[in-house]
């Protein structure tokens, strides 16, 4: 007899230095695309304290909820009583190079570097929004690839290899694999 009990939600934490753009986009995307399978969170090593307005605008344009999004420290997720993470992904190079807290539960970690759209100067012609759209597209592709993994058949080491491989994909080659 097979169990009809649903498997527990897996927790995923997206990290970036400022927790105002890329990690926020990833959190929101995984909440939407992985609903019922994953609980998504984001945090930063040095949080800006506010979500970037362009990130909020883009997410609203995509019809994704933004009311609960906030810029927060990764310390919130290293405290006793914090949800145990199954996966922790850094989405910026600076956060990937920092000494991270010890995460309870020994999560699978990987680096999914995405260029910082907030670093693009607004030229009055939409360059910054274009950079946000590209970051969103890259994150969406990687998250779709992640969601397509056969989690029930992969052990911790295999999940790590797969997560690392997703992070190494170039944006132009990953698009076809996520469809």
C-alpha atoms as a PDB file:
ATOM      1  CA  UNK A   1       0.000   0.000   0.000  1.00  0.00           C
ATOM      2  CA  UNK A   2       1.335   3.419  -0.919  1.00  0.00           C
ATOM      3  CA  UNK A   3       1.111   6.333   1.442  1.00  0.00           C
ATOM      4  CA  UNK A   4      -1.145   9.227   0.487  1.00  0.00           C
ATOM      5  CA  UNK A   5       0.502  11.443   3.049  1.00  0.00           C
ATOM      6  CA  UNK A   6       2.231  14.353   1.286  1.00  0.00           C
ATOM      7  CA  UNK A   7       5.962  14.659   1.750  1.00  0.00           C
ATOM      8  CA  UNK A   8       7.111  17.574   3.843  1.00  0.00           C
ATOM      9  CA  UNK A   9       7.949  20.879   2.260  1.00  0.00           C
ATOM     10  CA  UNK A  10      11.652  21.379   1.610  1.00  0.00           C
ATOM     11  CA  UNK A  11      13.108  24.697   2.790  1.00  0.00           C
ATOM     12  CA  UNK A  12      15.275  26.746   0.425  1.00  0.00           C
ATOM     13  CA  UNK A  13      17.226  29.862   1.399  1.00  0.00           C
ATOM     14  CA  UNK A  14      18.545  32.249  -1.263  1.00  0.00           C
ATOM     15  CA  UNK A  15      21.433  34.431  -0.123  1.00  0.00           C
ATOM     16  CA  UNK A  16      22.847  37.656  -1.443  1.00  0.00           C
ATOM     17  CA  UNK A  17      24.742  40.440   0.246  1.00  0.00           C
ATOM     18  CA  UNK A  18      22.012  43.093   0.260  1.00  0.00           C
ATOM     19  CA  UNK A  19      18.885  40.902   0.057  1.00  0.00           C
ATOM     20  CA  UNK A  20      17.124  43.541  -1.994  1.00  0.00           C
ATOM     21  CA  UNK A  21      17.065  42.207  -5.559  1.00  0.00           C
ATOM     22  CA  UNK A  22      18.343  38.784  -6.768  1.00  0.00           C
ATOM     23  CA  UNK A  23      17.640  36.769  -3.625  1.00  0.00           C
ATOM     24  CA  UNK A  24      14.219  38.425  -3.332  1.00  0.00           C
ATOM     25  CA  UNK A  25      13.397  37.562  -6.958  1.00  0.00           C
ATOM     26  CA  UNK A  26      14.473  33.950  -6.359  1.00  0.00           C
ATOM     27  CA  UNK A  27      12.433  33.664  -3.165  1.00  0.00           C
ATOM     28  CA  UNK A  28       9.323  34.945  -4.899  1.00  0.00           C
ATOM     29  CA  UNK A  29       9.825  32.744  -7.966  1.00  0.00           C
ATOM     30  CA  UNK A  30      10.320  29.552  -5.973  1.00  0.00           C
ATOM     31  CA  UNK A  31       7.304  30.322  -3.798  1.00  0.00           C
ATOM     32  CA  UNK A  32       5.218  30.491  -6.954  1.00  0.00           C
ATOM     33  CA  UNK A  33       6.765  27.720  -9.056  1.00  0.00           C
ATOM     34  CA  UNK A  34       7.448  25.331  -6.178  1.00  0.00           C
ATOM     35  CA  UNK A  35       4.231  25.863  -4.238  1.00  0.00           C
ATOM     36  CA  UNK A  36       3.292  22.710  -2.357  1.00  0.00           C
ATOM     37  CA  UNK A  37       6.845  21.309  -2.600  1.00  0.00           C
ATOM     38  CA  UNK A  38       9.092  24.051  -1.275  1.00  0.00           C
ATOM     39  CA  UNK A  39       9.100  26.878   1.215  1.00  0.00           C
ATOM     40  CA  UNK A  40      11.285  29.707  -0.053  1.00  0.00           C
ATOM     41  CA  UNK A  41      13.217  32.270   1.968  1.00  0.00           C
ATOM     42  CA  UNK A  42      15.837  34.897   1.255  1.00  0.00           C
ATOM     43  CA  UNK A  43      18.358  36.812   3.333  1.00  0.00           C
ATOM     44  CA  UNK A  44      21.541  38.826   3.115  1.00  0.00           C
ATOM     45  CA  UNK A  45      24.860  39.113   4.902  1.00  0.00           C
ATOM     46  CA  UNK A  46      24.487  42.912   4.964  1.00  0.00           C
ATOM     47  CA  UNK A  47      20.807  43.516   4.175  1.00  0.00           C
ATOM     48  CA  UNK A  48      19.849  46.844   2.628  1.00  0.00           C
ATOM     49  CA  UNK A  49      16.745  47.037   4.823  1.00  0.00           C
ATOM     50  CA  UNK A  50      14.382  47.489   1.873  1.00  0.00           C
ATOM     51  CA  UNK A  51      13.496  45.582  -1.270  1.00  0.00           C
ATOM     52  CA  UNK A  52      14.689  47.345  -4.434  1.00  0.00           C
ATOM     53  CA  UNK A  53      11.758  49.217  -6.072  1.00  0.00           C
ATOM     54  CA  UNK A  54      12.557  47.724  -9.495  1.00  0.00           C
ATOM     55  CA  UNK A  55      12.344  44.219  -8.036  1.00  0.00           C
ATOM     56  CA  UNK A  56       8.941  45.009  -6.573  1.00  0.00           C
ATOM     57  CA  UNK A  57       7.765  46.527  -9.858  1.00  0.00           C
ATOM     58  CA  UNK A  58       8.932  43.535 -11.904  1.00  0.00           C
ATOM     59  CA  UNK A  59       7.368  41.019  -9.525  1.00  0.00           C
ATOM     60  CA  UNK A  60       4.068  42.941  -9.590  1.00  0.00           C
ATOM     61  CA  UNK A  61       4.192  42.969 -13.418  1.00  0.00           C
ATOM     62  CA  UNK A  62       4.614  39.184 -13.294  1.00  0.00           C
ATOM     63  CA  UNK A  63       1.562  38.892 -11.040  1.00  0.00           C
ATOM     64  CA  UNK A  64       3.617  37.630  -8.100  1.00  0.00           C
ATOM     65  CA  UNK A  65       2.731  38.646  -4.530  1.00  0.00           C
ATOM     66  CA  UNK A  66       5.127  41.068  -2.870  1.00  0.00           C
ATOM     67  CA  UNK A  67       3.364  42.069   0.357  1.00  0.00           C
ATOM     68  CA  UNK A  68       5.435  39.831   2.645  1.00  0.00           C
ATOM     69  CA  UNK A  69       8.825  40.434   1.006  1.00  0.00           C
ATOM     70  CA  UNK A  70      11.424  42.185   3.140  1.00  0.00           C
ATOM     71  CA  UNK A  71      15.181  42.614   3.265  1.00  0.00           C
ATOM     72  CA  UNK A  72      16.553  40.662   6.244  1.00  0.00           C
ATOM     73  CA  UNK A  73      19.749  39.288   7.713  1.00  0.00           C
ATOM     74  CA  UNK A  74      20.841  35.714   7.276  1.00  0.00           C
ATOM     75  CA  UNK A  75      21.269  35.663  11.066  1.00  0.00           C
ATOM     76  CA  UNK A  76      17.498  35.085  11.296  1.00  0.00           C
ATOM     77  CA  UNK A  77      18.000  31.659   9.751  1.00  0.00           C
ATOM     78  CA  UNK A  78      20.969  30.620  11.885  1.00  0.00           C
ATOM     79  CA  UNK A  79      19.175  31.133  15.214  1.00  0.00           C
ATOM     80  CA  UNK A  80      17.722  28.337  17.306  1.00  0.00           C
ATOM     81  CA  UNK A  81      14.133  27.716  16.268  1.00  0.00           C
ATOM     82  CA  UNK A  82      14.681  28.879  12.692  1.00  0.00           C
ATOM     83  CA  UNK A  83      13.446  26.544   9.985  1.00  0.00           C
ATOM     84  CA  UNK A  84      16.059  23.940   9.060  1.00  0.00           C
ATOM     85  CA  UNK A  85      17.151  24.512   5.478  1.00  0.00           C
ATOM     86  CA  UNK A  86      17.360  21.719   2.953  1.00  0.00           C
ATOM     87  CA  UNK A  87      19.052  23.928   0.352  1.00  0.00           C
ATOM     88  CA  UNK A  88      21.023  27.181   0.542  1.00  0.00           C
ATOM     89  CA  UNK A  89      21.884  28.946  -2.715  1.00  0.00           C
ATOM     90  CA  UNK A  90      24.043  32.035  -3.032  1.00  0.00           C
ATOM     91  CA  UNK A  91      23.017  34.188  -5.985  1.00  0.00           C
ATOM     92  CA  UNK A  92      25.779  36.792  -5.812  1.00  0.00           C
ATOM     93  CA  UNK A  93      29.528  36.336  -5.944  1.00  0.00           C
ATOM     94  CA  UNK A  94      30.217  38.448  -2.871  1.00  0.00           C
ATOM     95  CA  UNK A  95      27.934  36.362  -0.623  1.00  0.00           C
ATOM     96  CA  UNK A  96      29.433  33.175  -2.067  1.00  0.00           C
ATOM     97  CA  UNK A  97      32.867  34.285  -0.895  1.00  0.00           C
ATOM     98  CA  UNK A  98      31.775  35.234   2.614  1.00  0.00           C
ATOM     99  CA  UNK A  99      31.933  32.998   5.646  1.00  0.00           C
ATOM    100  CA  UNK A 100      28.353  31.847   6.083  1.00  0.00           C
ATOM    101  CA  UNK A 101      26.734  30.877   9.354  1.00  0.00           C
ATOM    102  CA  UNK A 102      26.495  27.204  10.236  1.00  0.00           C
ATOM    103  CA  UNK A 103      23.088  26.183   8.972  1.00  0.00           C
ATOM    104  CA  UNK A 104      21.132  23.725  11.105  1.00  0.00           C
ATOM    105  CA  UNK A 105      20.309  20.530   9.234  1.00  0.00           C
ATOM    106  CA  UNK A 106      23.362  20.409   6.921  1.00  0.00           C
ATOM    107  CA  UNK A 107      21.646  21.713   3.769  1.00  0.00           C
ATOM    108  CA  UNK A 108      22.802  21.188   0.207  1.00  0.00           C
ATOM    109  CA  UNK A 109      24.606  24.364  -0.840  1.00  0.00           C
ATOM    110  CA  UNK A 110      25.419  25.740  -4.284  1.00  0.00           C
ATOM    111  CA  UNK A 111      26.378  28.983  -5.956  1.00  0.00           C
ATOM    112  CA  UNK A 112      24.011  30.281  -8.628  1.00  0.00           C
ATOM    113  CA  UNK A 113      25.724  33.568  -9.487  1.00  0.00           C
ATOM    114  CA  UNK A 114      23.559  36.130 -11.244  1.00  0.00           C
ATOM    115  CA  UNK A 115      24.768  39.601 -12.340  1.00  0.00           C
ATOM    116  CA  UNK A 116      23.504  42.348 -10.021  1.00  0.00           C
ATOM    117  CA  UNK A 117      20.701  44.277 -11.749  1.00  0.00           C
ATOM    118  CA  UNK A 118      20.764  46.947  -9.025  1.00  0.00           C
ATOM    119  CA  UNK A 119      24.341  47.785 -10.051  1.00  0.00           C
ATOM    120  CA  UNK A 120      23.172  48.820 -13.528  1.00  0.00           C
ATOM    121  CA  UNK A 121      22.726  52.580 -13.667  1.00  0.00           C
ATOM    122  CA  UNK A 122      19.341  53.756 -14.804  1.00  0.00           C
ATOM    123  CA  UNK A 123      20.070  55.498 -18.109  1.00  0.00           C
ATOM    124  CA  UNK A 124      16.545  56.810 -18.559  1.00  0.00           C
ATOM    125  CA  UNK A 125      16.018  54.258 -21.336  1.00  0.00           C
ATOM    126  CA  UNK A 126      15.195  51.281 -19.181  1.00  0.00           C
ATOM    127  CA  UNK A 127      18.647  49.702 -18.832  1.00  0.00           C
ATOM    128  CA  UNK A 128      18.150  48.884 -15.164  1.00  0.00           C
ATOM    129  CA  UNK A 129      14.736  47.312 -15.696  1.00  0.00           C
ATOM    130  CA  UNK A 130      16.188  45.308 -18.568  1.00  0.00           C
ATOM    131  CA  UNK A 131      18.896  44.034 -16.182  1.00  0.00           C
ATOM    132  CA  UNK A 132      16.203  43.093 -13.635  1.00  0.00           C
ATOM    133  CA  UNK A 133      14.259  41.224 -16.321  1.00  0.00           C
ATOM    134  CA  UNK A 134      17.399  39.312 -17.339  1.00  0.00           C
ATOM    135  CA  UNK A 135      18.175  38.382 -13.706  1.00  0.00           C
ATOM    136  CA  UNK A 136      14.561  37.245 -13.289  1.00  0.00           C
ATOM    137  CA  UNK A 137      14.760  35.124 -16.456  1.00  0.00           C
ATOM    138  CA  UNK A 138      18.036  33.505 -15.374  1.00  0.00           C
ATOM    139  CA  UNK A 139      16.665  32.720 -11.920  1.00  0.00           C
ATOM    140  CA  UNK A 140      13.434  31.383 -13.385  1.00  0.00           C
ATOM    141  CA  UNK A 141      15.379  29.050 -15.682  1.00  0.00           C
ATOM    142  CA  UNK A 142      17.548  27.740 -12.843  1.00  0.00           C
ATOM    143  CA  UNK A 143      14.588  27.287 -10.522  1.00  0.00           C
ATOM    144  CA  UNK A 144      12.689  25.340 -13.199  1.00  0.00           C
ATOM    145  CA  UNK A 145      15.697  23.073 -13.681  1.00  0.00           C
ATOM    146  CA  UNK A 146      15.935  22.626  -9.907  1.00  0.00           C
ATOM    147  CA  UNK A 147      12.230  21.756  -9.662  1.00  0.00           C
ATOM    148  CA  UNK A 148      12.640  19.150 -12.415  1.00  0.00           C
ATOM    149  CA  UNK A 149      15.176  17.167 -10.374  1.00  0.00           C
ATOM    150  CA  UNK A 150      14.026  13.690  -9.265  1.00  0.00           C
ATOM    151  CA  UNK A 151      14.362  14.477  -5.547  1.00  0.00           C
ATOM    152  CA  UNK A 152      12.996  11.104  -4.407  1.00  0.00           C
ATOM    153  CA  UNK A 153      15.780   9.227  -6.180  1.00  0.00           C
ATOM    154  CA  UNK A 154      18.771  11.475  -5.433  1.00  0.00           C
ATOM    155  CA  UNK A 155      20.851  11.314  -2.282  1.00  0.00           C
ATOM    156  CA  UNK A 156      22.471  14.356  -0.655  1.00  0.00           C
ATOM    157  CA  UNK A 157      25.681  14.076  -2.727  1.00  0.00           C
ATOM    158  CA  UNK A 158      23.798  13.719  -6.006  1.00  0.00           C
ATOM    159  CA  UNK A 159      21.590  16.697  -5.139  1.00  0.00           C
ATOM    160  CA  UNK A 160      24.731  18.740  -4.459  1.00  0.00           C
ATOM    161  CA  UNK A 161      26.196  17.779  -7.851  1.00  0.00           C
ATOM    162  CA  UNK A 162      22.965  18.672  -9.636  1.00  0.00           C
ATOM    163  CA  UNK A 163      22.569  21.989  -7.786  1.00  0.00           C
ATOM    164  CA  UNK A 164      26.187  22.900  -8.582  1.00  0.00           C
ATOM    165  CA  UNK A 165      25.652  22.013 -12.244  1.00  0.00           C
ATOM    166  CA  UNK A 166      22.575  24.243 -12.437  1.00  0.00           C
ATOM    167  CA  UNK A 167      24.645  27.106 -11.055  1.00  0.00           C
ATOM    168  CA  UNK A 168      27.328  26.606 -13.716  1.00  0.00           C
ATOM    169  CA  UNK A 169      24.950  26.762 -16.662  1.00  0.00           C
ATOM    170  CA  UNK A 170      25.253  29.784 -18.890  1.00  0.00           C
ATOM    171  CA  UNK A 171      21.971  31.613 -19.301  1.00  0.00           C
ATOM    172  CA  UNK A 172      21.813  30.994 -23.063  1.00  0.00           C
ATOM    173  CA  UNK A 173      22.344  27.230 -22.749  1.00  0.00           C
ATOM    174  CA  UNK A 174      20.065  26.733 -19.763  1.00  0.00           C
ATOM    175  CA  UNK A 175      16.954  28.086 -21.453  1.00  0.00           C
ATOM    176  CA  UNK A 176      16.309  24.992 -23.554  1.00  0.00           C
ATOM    177  CA  UNK A 177      16.829  22.602 -20.652  1.00  0.00           C
ATOM    178  CA  UNK A 178      14.220  24.309 -18.451  1.00  0.00           C
ATOM    179  CA  UNK A 179      11.352  24.128 -20.961  1.00  0.00           C
END
